[in-house]
C-alpha cells in the first residue's frame, strides 16, 4: 500500500502516476490522514470499476449500521418491537 501526500500529488505528479501504474493503488493523505484512494481505470473497465467501488462503499456503510445497531442492542428486537417502531415513524411523518 503506497501512501502519498497531497503535496506529492502537486509537486511530483509523474512519480505518483508511475507508482499508480506499478502498484495499482495509491492512498492520498492530507495532514497525515488518508483522504482519497487512487486506482487506475480505463475506458474499457470504467463502469465496472465504478460499480465495484460503489458496492464496496455500500458494504462498509451497511457494516457500520449493523455494528451501531448491535452496540445499541437493536439486534435483539422482536418483530413486534420493529413493527411498532415503523408504525411510530410513519405516524410521525404523517403528522
N, C-alpha and C. Protein backbone atom coordinates (compact mmCIF):
# COMPACT_ATOMS: atom_id res chain seq x y z
N UNK A 1 0.85 -1.15 0.00
CA UNK A 1 0.00 0.00 0.00
C UNK A 1 0.90 1.23 0.00
N UNK A 2 0.69 2.11 -0.92
CA UNK A 2 1.50 3.31 -1.05
C UNK A 2 0.73 4.53 -0.59
N UNK A 3 1.32 5.25 0.35
CA UNK A 3 0.74 6.49 0.84
C UNK A 3 1.53 7.66 0.26
N UNK A 4 0.81 8.63 -0.25
CA UNK A 4 1.43 9.84 -0.76
C UNK A 4 0.61 11.03 -0.28
N UNK A 5 1.28 12.14 -0.13
CA UNK A 5 0.59 13.32 0.37
C UNK A 5 -0.01 14.12 -0.78
N UNK A 6 -0.90 15.03 -0.41
CA UNK A 6 -1.45 15.95 -1.40
C UNK A 6 -0.32 16.76 -2.01
N UNK A 7 0.66 17.10 -1.20
CA UNK A 7 1.83 17.84 -1.69
C UNK A 7 2.58 17.02 -2.75
N UNK A 8 2.74 15.71 -2.52
CA UNK A 8 3.38 14.86 -3.53
C UNK A 8 2.62 14.90 -4.84
N UNK A 9 1.32 14.88 -4.73
CA UNK A 9 0.47 14.90 -5.92
C UNK A 9 0.69 16.18 -6.73
N UNK A 10 0.86 17.30 -6.02
CA UNK A 10 1.10 18.58 -6.71
C UNK A 10 2.54 18.72 -7.21
N UNK A 11 3.51 18.32 -6.37
CA UNK A 11 4.91 18.59 -6.70
C UNK A 11 5.58 17.49 -7.51
N UNK A 12 5.06 16.26 -7.42
CA UNK A 12 5.67 15.14 -8.14
C UNK A 12 4.61 14.30 -8.86
N UNK A 13 3.79 14.91 -9.69
CA UNK A 13 2.70 14.14 -10.30
C UNK A 13 3.19 12.95 -11.12
N UNK A 14 4.29 13.10 -11.81
CA UNK A 14 4.80 11.99 -12.61
C UNK A 14 5.12 10.77 -11.74
N UNK A 15 5.75 11.01 -10.60
CA UNK A 15 6.07 9.92 -9.69
C UNK A 15 4.79 9.25 -9.17
N UNK A 16 3.78 10.05 -8.87
CA UNK A 16 2.51 9.50 -8.40
C UNK A 16 1.89 8.62 -9.47
N UNK A 17 1.85 9.11 -10.72
CA UNK A 17 1.26 8.32 -11.82
C UNK A 17 2.06 7.05 -12.08
N UNK A 18 3.38 7.13 -12.01
CA UNK A 18 4.20 5.93 -12.21
C UNK A 18 3.96 4.91 -11.11
N UNK A 19 3.87 5.38 -9.88
CA UNK A 19 3.59 4.49 -8.76
C UNK A 19 2.21 3.87 -8.90
N UNK A 20 1.24 4.66 -9.30
CA UNK A 20 -0.12 4.15 -9.50
C UNK A 20 -0.13 3.05 -10.56
N UNK A 21 0.55 3.27 -11.66
CA UNK A 21 0.59 2.26 -12.73
C UNK A 21 1.26 0.98 -12.25
N UNK A 22 2.29 1.11 -11.43
CA UNK A 22 3.04 -0.06 -10.97
C UNK A 22 2.35 -0.78 -9.82
N UNK A 23 1.85 -0.03 -8.85
CA UNK A 23 1.30 -0.63 -7.62
C UNK A 23 -0.21 -0.85 -7.67
N UNK A 24 -0.91 -0.23 -8.61
CA UNK A 24 -2.35 -0.39 -8.82
C UNK A 24 -3.23 0.32 -7.80
N UNK A 25 -2.63 1.00 -6.81
CA UNK A 25 -3.40 1.85 -5.91
C UNK A 25 -2.46 2.78 -5.17
N UNK A 26 -2.95 3.97 -4.89
CA UNK A 26 -2.21 4.97 -4.12
C UNK A 26 -3.21 5.64 -3.19
N UNK A 27 -2.84 5.74 -1.93
CA UNK A 27 -3.68 6.41 -0.96
C UNK A 27 -3.12 7.81 -0.75
N UNK A 28 -3.96 8.80 -0.95
CA UNK A 28 -3.56 10.19 -0.79
C UNK A 28 -3.90 10.63 0.63
N UNK A 29 -2.92 11.23 1.29
CA UNK A 29 -3.14 11.71 2.65
C UNK A 29 -3.11 13.23 2.69
N UNK A 30 -3.82 13.76 3.67
CA UNK A 30 -3.84 15.20 3.91
C UNK A 30 -3.66 15.38 5.41
N UNK A 31 -2.62 16.08 5.81
CA UNK A 31 -2.29 16.24 7.23
C UNK A 31 -2.16 14.89 7.93
N UNK A 32 -1.57 13.92 7.24
CA UNK A 32 -1.32 12.61 7.83
C UNK A 32 -2.50 11.67 7.87
N UNK A 33 -3.64 12.10 7.36
CA UNK A 33 -4.83 11.25 7.38
C UNK A 33 -5.22 10.85 5.96
N UNK A 34 -5.58 9.59 5.75
CA UNK A 34 -6.00 9.17 4.41
C UNK A 34 -7.27 9.90 3.99
N UNK A 35 -7.26 10.44 2.77
CA UNK A 35 -8.42 11.18 2.29
C UNK A 35 -8.93 10.69 0.95
N UNK A 36 -8.12 9.98 0.19
CA UNK A 36 -8.56 9.53 -1.13
C UNK A 36 -7.80 8.27 -1.52
N UNK A 37 -8.45 7.48 -2.34
CA UNK A 37 -7.84 6.29 -2.91
C UNK A 37 -7.81 6.45 -4.41
N UNK A 38 -6.63 6.34 -4.99
CA UNK A 38 -6.49 6.42 -6.44
C UNK A 38 -6.30 5.01 -6.97
N UNK A 39 -7.08 4.65 -7.97
CA UNK A 39 -6.93 3.36 -8.65
C UNK A 39 -6.95 3.63 -10.15
N UNK A 40 -6.15 2.89 -10.89
CA UNK A 40 -6.15 3.12 -12.33
C UNK A 40 -7.42 2.57 -12.98
N UNK A 41 -7.93 3.28 -13.97
CA UNK A 41 -9.08 2.81 -14.73
C UNK A 41 -8.83 3.09 -16.20
N UNK A 42 -9.59 2.44 -17.04
CA UNK A 42 -9.50 2.70 -18.47
C UNK A 42 -10.91 2.83 -19.02
N UNK A 43 -11.01 3.24 -20.26
CA UNK A 43 -12.33 3.36 -20.88
C UNK A 43 -13.07 2.04 -20.86
N UNK A 44 -12.33 0.94 -21.00
CA UNK A 44 -12.99 -0.37 -21.10
C UNK A 44 -13.50 -0.89 -19.76
N UNK A 45 -12.88 -0.48 -18.64
CA UNK A 45 -13.34 -1.00 -17.35
C UNK A 45 -13.86 0.09 -16.41
N UNK A 46 -14.09 1.27 -16.95
CA UNK A 46 -14.55 2.38 -16.13
C UNK A 46 -15.83 2.05 -15.37
N UNK A 47 -16.84 1.59 -16.06
CA UNK A 47 -18.14 1.30 -15.42
C UNK A 47 -18.02 0.18 -14.39
N UNK A 48 -17.27 -0.86 -14.71
CA UNK A 48 -17.12 -1.97 -13.77
C UNK A 48 -16.36 -1.53 -12.53
N UNK A 49 -15.33 -0.71 -12.70
CA UNK A 49 -14.57 -0.21 -11.56
C UNK A 49 -15.43 0.69 -10.69
N UNK A 50 -16.16 1.58 -11.30
CA UNK A 50 -17.04 2.48 -10.56
C UNK A 50 -18.09 1.69 -9.78
N UNK A 51 -18.67 0.70 -10.42
CA UNK A 51 -19.67 -0.14 -9.75
C UNK A 51 -19.06 -0.87 -8.56
N UNK A 52 -17.87 -1.43 -8.73
CA UNK A 52 -17.20 -2.14 -7.64
C UNK A 52 -16.90 -1.21 -6.47
N UNK A 53 -16.46 0.01 -6.76
CA UNK A 53 -16.16 0.97 -5.70
C UNK A 53 -17.44 1.35 -4.95
N UNK A 54 -18.52 1.56 -5.69
CA UNK A 54 -19.79 1.92 -5.04
C UNK A 54 -20.31 0.78 -4.19
N UNK A 55 -20.20 -0.44 -4.68
CA UNK A 55 -20.64 -1.60 -3.89
C UNK A 55 -19.81 -1.74 -2.63
N UNK A 56 -18.51 -1.51 -2.73
CA UNK A 56 -17.65 -1.60 -1.55
C UNK A 56 -18.02 -0.55 -0.52
N UNK A 57 -18.27 0.69 -0.97
CA UNK A 57 -18.67 1.75 -0.04
C UNK A 57 -20.01 1.42 0.61
N UNK A 58 -20.94 0.86 -0.15
CA UNK A 58 -22.24 0.49 0.40
C UNK A 58 -22.08 -0.60 1.45
N UNK A 59 -21.22 -1.57 1.19
CA UNK A 59 -20.99 -2.64 2.16
C UNK A 59 -20.41 -2.09 3.45
N UNK A 60 -19.48 -1.19 3.35
CA UNK A 60 -18.90 -0.57 4.54
C UNK A 60 -19.98 0.17 5.33
N UNK A 61 -20.85 0.90 4.65
CA UNK A 61 -21.93 1.63 5.32
C UNK A 61 -22.88 0.67 6.03
N UNK A 62 -23.24 -0.41 5.38
CA UNK A 62 -24.15 -1.40 5.99
C UNK A 62 -23.48 -2.04 7.20
N UNK A 63 -22.20 -2.39 7.08
CA UNK A 63 -21.48 -2.98 8.20
C UNK A 63 -21.44 -2.02 9.39
N UNK A 64 -21.23 -0.72 9.12
CA UNK A 64 -21.22 0.27 10.20
C UNK A 64 -22.59 0.38 10.85
N UNK A 65 -23.65 0.36 10.05
CA UNK A 65 -25.00 0.43 10.62
C UNK A 65 -25.30 -0.80 11.46
N UNK A 66 -24.87 -1.96 11.01
CA UNK A 66 -25.10 -3.18 11.79
C UNK A 66 -24.35 -3.14 13.11
N UNK A 67 -23.12 -2.68 13.08
CA UNK A 67 -22.33 -2.59 14.31
C UNK A 67 -22.97 -1.61 15.28
N UNK A 68 -23.43 -0.48 14.78
CA UNK A 68 -24.09 0.52 15.62
C UNK A 68 -25.38 -0.06 16.23
N UNK A 69 -26.16 -0.75 15.41
CA UNK A 69 -27.40 -1.37 15.91
C UNK A 69 -27.09 -2.40 17.00
N UNK A 70 -26.03 -3.17 16.79
CA UNK A 70 -25.66 -4.18 17.78
C UNK A 70 -25.21 -3.51 19.08
N UNK A 71 -24.42 -2.44 18.96
CA UNK A 71 -23.97 -1.71 20.15
C UNK A 71 -25.15 -1.15 20.94
N UNK A 72 -26.20 -0.76 20.25
CA UNK A 72 -27.38 -0.20 20.90
C UNK A 72 -28.36 -1.27 21.35
N UNK A 73 -28.05 -2.53 21.08
CA UNK A 73 -28.92 -3.62 21.48
C UNK A 73 -30.11 -3.84 20.56
N UNK A 74 -30.09 -3.17 19.41
CA UNK A 74 -31.23 -3.27 18.50
C UNK A 74 -31.28 -4.61 17.76
N UNK A 75 -30.21 -5.37 17.82
CA UNK A 75 -30.21 -6.68 17.15
C UNK A 75 -31.06 -7.70 17.91
N UNK A 76 -31.52 -7.33 19.10
CA UNK A 76 -32.34 -8.25 19.89
C UNK A 76 -33.82 -7.87 19.90
N UNK A 77 -34.19 -6.93 19.03
CA UNK A 77 -35.60 -6.51 18.98
C UNK A 77 -36.46 -7.62 18.39
N UNK A 78 -37.67 -7.73 18.91
CA UNK A 78 -38.62 -8.69 18.36
C UNK A 78 -39.30 -8.06 17.14
N UNK A 79 -39.97 -8.87 16.35
CA UNK A 79 -40.69 -8.34 15.19
C UNK A 79 -41.78 -7.38 15.62
N UNK A 80 -42.41 -7.64 16.75
CA UNK A 80 -43.43 -6.74 17.24
C UNK A 80 -42.84 -5.37 17.57
N UNK A 81 -41.67 -5.35 18.18
CA UNK A 81 -41.00 -4.08 18.50
C UNK A 81 -40.58 -3.35 17.22
N UNK A 82 -40.12 -4.09 16.26
CA UNK A 82 -39.72 -3.48 14.98
C UNK A 82 -40.94 -2.88 14.29
N UNK A 83 -42.04 -3.64 14.26
CA UNK A 83 -43.27 -3.13 13.65
C UNK A 83 -43.79 -1.88 14.36
N UNK A 84 -43.66 -1.85 15.68
CA UNK A 84 -44.10 -0.69 16.45
C UNK A 84 -43.23 0.53 16.13
N UNK A 85 -41.93 0.35 15.97
CA UNK A 85 -41.03 1.45 15.60
C UNK A 85 -41.37 1.99 14.22
N UNK A 86 -41.64 1.10 13.29
CA UNK A 86 -42.00 1.51 11.94
C UNK A 86 -43.31 2.29 11.96
N UNK A 87 -44.29 1.80 12.69
CA UNK A 87 -45.58 2.47 12.76
C UNK A 87 -45.43 3.86 13.40
N UNK A 88 -44.62 3.97 14.43
CA UNK A 88 -44.41 5.26 15.09
C UNK A 88 -43.72 6.24 14.16
N UNK A 89 -42.74 5.77 13.38
CA UNK A 89 -42.03 6.65 12.44
C UNK A 89 -42.98 7.12 11.33
N UNK A 90 -43.82 6.22 10.86
CA UNK A 90 -44.78 6.59 9.82
C UNK A 90 -45.81 7.60 10.35
N UNK A 91 -46.26 7.39 11.56
CA UNK A 91 -47.23 8.30 12.16
C UNK A 91 -46.61 9.69 12.37
N UNK A 92 -45.35 9.72 12.75
CA UNK A 92 -44.65 10.99 12.95
C UNK A 92 -44.50 11.74 11.63
N UNK A 93 -44.19 11.00 10.56
CA UNK A 93 -44.06 11.63 9.23
C UNK A 93 -45.39 12.16 8.72
N UNK A 94 -46.47 11.45 9.02
CA UNK A 94 -47.79 11.84 8.56
C UNK A 94 -48.31 13.08 9.29
N UNK A 95 -47.82 13.28 10.51
CA UNK A 95 -48.32 14.41 11.32
C UNK A 95 -47.76 15.75 10.86
